[in-house]
Amino acid sequence: MRKGQSMVEYAIILVLVACVCIGVLAVTGNQVTATFQDIEETLMNPDDTGGTAVYTCPDGNPAVLHGHKYHCH
């Protein structure tokens, strides 16, 4: 009887932890996505400083917004 009670308690704790994780991801999901996009863009274009020219690039083309930064392509 005691073993079954412990399993139920662990299951309840697991469900509560899962609910907290889902809630945190729901609230911060867009911010996390934008941060990962910034990291991916930085790794794919290491020479691009990004964000230095807000709307135009040195060659006159408009900058493209990726995540939180503007980049020249």
N, C-alpha and C. Protein backbone atom coordinates (compact mmCIF):
# COMPACT_ATOMS: atom_id res chain seq x y z
N MET A 1 0.84 -1.19 0.00
CA MET A 1 0.00 0.00 0.00
C MET A 1 0.88 1.25 0.00
N ARG A 2 1.95 1.24 0.76
CA ARG A 2 2.82 2.41 0.88
C ARG A 2 3.54 2.70 -0.43
N LYS A 3 3.90 1.63 -1.15
CA LYS A 3 4.61 1.79 -2.41
C LYS A 3 3.73 2.46 -3.46
N GLY A 4 2.47 2.10 -3.52
CA GLY A 4 1.53 2.71 -4.45
C GLY A 4 1.29 4.18 -4.14
N GLN A 5 1.24 4.50 -2.85
CA GLN A 5 1.05 5.89 -2.44
C GLN A 5 2.24 6.75 -2.86
N SER A 6 3.44 6.24 -2.73
CA SER A 6 4.63 6.97 -3.15
C SER A 6 4.62 7.22 -4.65
N MET A 7 4.20 6.23 -5.43
CA MET A 7 4.14 6.40 -6.88
C MET A 7 3.15 7.50 -7.27
N VAL A 8 2.02 7.56 -6.59
CA VAL A 8 1.03 8.60 -6.87
C VAL A 8 1.59 9.97 -6.51
N GLU A 9 2.30 10.07 -5.40
CA GLU A 9 2.90 11.34 -5.01
C GLU A 9 3.94 11.79 -6.02
N TYR A 10 4.77 10.88 -6.51
CA TYR A 10 5.75 11.23 -7.53
C TYR A 10 5.07 11.66 -8.83
N ALA A 11 3.98 11.02 -9.18
CA ALA A 11 3.24 11.39 -10.39
C ALA A 11 2.66 12.79 -10.26
N ILE A 12 2.13 13.13 -9.10
CA ILE A 12 1.58 14.47 -8.88
C ILE A 12 2.68 15.52 -8.97
N ILE A 13 3.83 15.25 -8.38
CA ILE A 13 4.96 16.18 -8.46
C ILE A 13 5.40 16.35 -9.90
N LEU A 14 5.46 15.27 -10.65
CA LEU A 14 5.86 15.33 -12.06
C LEU A 14 4.88 16.17 -12.88
N VAL A 15 3.59 16.02 -12.62
CA VAL A 15 2.58 16.81 -13.33
C VAL A 15 2.72 18.28 -12.98
N LEU A 16 2.96 18.61 -11.73
CA LEU A 16 3.12 20.01 -11.33
C LEU A 16 4.36 20.63 -11.97
N VAL A 17 5.46 19.90 -12.02
CA VAL A 17 6.68 20.41 -12.66
C VAL A 17 6.43 20.62 -14.15
N ALA A 18 5.74 19.70 -14.79
CA ALA A 18 5.43 19.84 -16.22
C ALA A 18 4.55 21.07 -16.46
N CYS A 19 3.58 21.32 -15.60
CA CYS A 19 2.72 22.50 -15.75
C CYS A 19 3.52 23.79 -15.61
N VAL A 20 4.44 23.83 -14.67
CA VAL A 20 5.29 25.02 -14.50
C VAL A 20 6.15 25.23 -15.73
N CYS A 21 6.75 24.17 -16.25
CA CYS A 21 7.58 24.28 -17.46
C CYS A 21 6.77 24.77 -18.65
N ILE A 22 5.58 24.25 -18.84
CA ILE A 22 4.73 24.69 -19.94
C ILE A 22 4.35 26.16 -19.77
N GLY A 23 4.04 26.57 -18.55
CA GLY A 23 3.70 27.97 -18.29
C GLY A 23 4.86 28.91 -18.57
N VAL A 24 6.05 28.53 -18.16
CA VAL A 24 7.23 29.37 -18.41
C VAL A 24 7.50 29.48 -19.90
N LEU A 25 7.41 28.39 -20.63
CA LEU A 25 7.62 28.43 -22.08
C LEU A 25 6.54 29.24 -22.79
N ALA A 26 5.32 29.18 -22.30
CA ALA A 26 4.24 29.96 -22.92
C ALA A 26 4.47 31.45 -22.74
N VAL A 27 4.99 31.84 -21.58
CA VAL A 27 5.22 33.26 -21.31
C VAL A 27 6.46 33.77 -22.03
N THR A 28 7.53 33.00 -22.04
CA THR A 28 8.81 33.48 -22.58
C THR A 28 9.14 32.89 -23.95
N GLY A 29 8.22 32.19 -24.57
CA GLY A 29 8.50 31.50 -25.82
C GLY A 29 9.03 32.39 -26.93
N ASN A 30 8.40 33.55 -27.16
CA ASN A 30 8.84 34.43 -28.24
C ASN A 30 10.23 35.00 -27.97
N GLN A 31 10.51 35.32 -26.71
CA GLN A 31 11.83 35.85 -26.37
C GLN A 31 12.91 34.79 -26.57
N VAL A 32 12.61 33.57 -26.19
CA VAL A 32 13.58 32.48 -26.37
C VAL A 32 13.82 32.22 -27.85
N THR A 33 12.75 32.25 -28.64
CA THR A 33 12.89 32.05 -30.09
C THR A 33 13.75 33.13 -30.71
N ALA A 34 13.50 34.39 -30.35
CA ALA A 34 14.29 35.50 -30.90
C ALA A 34 15.75 35.40 -30.50
N THR A 35 16.02 34.98 -29.28
CA THR A 35 17.40 34.82 -28.82
C THR A 35 18.10 33.72 -29.60
N PHE A 36 17.44 32.59 -29.82
CA PHE A 36 18.05 31.51 -30.60
C PHE A 36 18.27 31.94 -32.05
N GLN A 37 17.36 32.75 -32.61
CA GLN A 37 17.57 33.26 -33.96
C GLN A 37 18.78 34.18 -34.02
N ASP A 38 18.96 35.01 -32.99
CA ASP A 38 20.15 35.87 -32.94
C ASP A 38 21.43 35.04 -32.89
N ILE A 39 21.43 34.01 -32.07
CA ILE A 39 22.61 33.15 -31.94
C ILE A 39 22.89 32.45 -33.25
N GLU A 40 21.85 31.90 -33.89
CA GLU A 40 22.02 31.22 -35.17
C GLU A 40 22.57 32.17 -36.23
N GLU A 41 22.02 33.37 -36.30
CA GLU A 41 22.47 34.35 -37.29
C GLU A 41 23.92 34.74 -37.05
N THR A 42 24.31 34.90 -35.80
CA THR A 42 25.69 35.25 -35.47
C THR A 42 26.64 34.13 -35.86
N LEU A 43 26.25 32.89 -35.61
CA LEU A 43 27.12 31.76 -35.96
C LEU A 43 27.23 31.56 -37.47
N MET A 44 26.15 31.85 -38.21
CA MET A 44 26.17 31.66 -39.65
C MET A 44 26.89 32.80 -40.38
N ASN A 45 26.93 33.99 -39.76
CA ASN A 45 27.57 35.16 -40.38
C ASN A 45 28.51 35.81 -39.37
N PRO A 46 29.66 35.20 -39.08
CA PRO A 46 30.54 35.74 -38.04
C PRO A 46 31.15 37.10 -38.39
N ASP A 47 31.26 37.45 -39.68
CA ASP A 47 31.85 38.73 -40.06
C ASP A 47 30.85 39.87 -40.01
N ASP A 48 29.57 39.57 -39.92
CA ASP A 48 28.53 40.60 -39.90
C ASP A 48 28.37 41.11 -38.48
N THR A 49 28.63 42.40 -38.25
CA THR A 49 28.52 42.95 -36.90
C THR A 49 27.07 43.13 -36.49
N GLY A 50 26.18 43.36 -37.42
CA GLY A 50 24.76 43.46 -37.12
C GLY A 50 24.40 44.63 -36.25
N GLY A 51 23.35 45.32 -36.61
CA GLY A 51 22.86 46.41 -35.79
C GLY A 51 23.62 47.71 -35.93
N THR A 52 24.70 47.76 -36.71
CA THR A 52 25.46 49.00 -36.82
C THR A 52 24.75 50.00 -37.72
N ALA A 53 24.13 49.57 -38.79
CA ALA A 53 23.36 50.44 -39.67
C ALA A 53 21.91 50.02 -39.56
N VAL A 54 21.12 50.81 -38.90
CA VAL A 54 19.77 50.38 -38.56
C VAL A 54 18.92 50.08 -39.80
N TYR A 55 18.93 50.94 -40.81
CA TYR A 55 18.06 50.70 -41.95
C TYR A 55 18.79 50.56 -43.28
N THR A 56 20.04 50.94 -43.37
CA THR A 56 20.76 50.81 -44.64
C THR A 56 22.11 50.16 -44.42
N CYS A 57 22.60 49.49 -45.45
CA CYS A 57 23.90 48.83 -45.42
C CYS A 57 24.92 49.70 -46.16
N PRO A 58 26.21 49.42 -45.99
CA PRO A 58 27.24 50.20 -46.68
C PRO A 58 27.07 50.23 -48.20
N ASP A 59 26.53 49.17 -48.79
CA ASP A 59 26.34 49.15 -50.24
C ASP A 59 25.03 49.83 -50.67
N GLY A 60 24.28 50.38 -49.72
CA GLY A 60 23.05 51.09 -50.03
C GLY A 60 21.79 50.26 -49.94
N ASN A 61 21.92 48.96 -49.82
CA ASN A 61 20.75 48.08 -49.70
C ASN A 61 20.17 48.19 -48.29
N PRO A 62 18.89 47.96 -48.15
CA PRO A 62 18.29 48.02 -46.81
C PRO A 62 18.74 46.84 -45.95
N ALA A 63 18.88 47.09 -44.66
CA ALA A 63 19.24 46.03 -43.72
C ALA A 63 18.01 45.16 -43.45
N VAL A 64 18.24 43.91 -43.11
CA VAL A 64 17.17 42.95 -42.85
C VAL A 64 17.16 42.64 -41.36
N LEU A 65 15.98 42.68 -40.76
CA LEU A 65 15.84 42.40 -39.33
C LEU A 65 15.81 40.89 -39.11
N HIS A 66 16.73 40.38 -38.30
CA HIS A 66 16.77 38.97 -37.89
C HIS A 66 16.80 38.94 -36.37
N GLY A 67 15.73 38.45 -35.76
CA GLY A 67 15.68 38.41 -34.30
C GLY A 67 15.61 39.82 -33.75
N HIS A 68 16.66 40.24 -33.06
CA HIS A 68 16.72 41.57 -32.46
C HIS A 68 17.65 42.51 -33.19
N LYS A 69 18.35 42.06 -34.23
CA LYS A 69 19.38 42.87 -34.88
C LYS A 69 19.10 43.02 -36.37
N TYR A 70 19.61 44.12 -36.93
CA TYR A 70 19.58 44.31 -38.37
C TYR A 70 20.89 43.79 -38.95
N HIS A 71 20.80 43.13 -40.11
CA HIS A 71 21.98 42.55 -40.75
C HIS A 71 22.00 42.91 -42.22
N CYS A 72 23.21 43.07 -42.77
CA CYS A 72 23.40 43.33 -44.19
C CYS A 72 23.71 42.02 -44.90
N HIS A 73 23.09 41.78 -46.05
CA HIS A 73 23.34 40.55 -46.81
C HIS A 73 23.77 40.88 -48.20
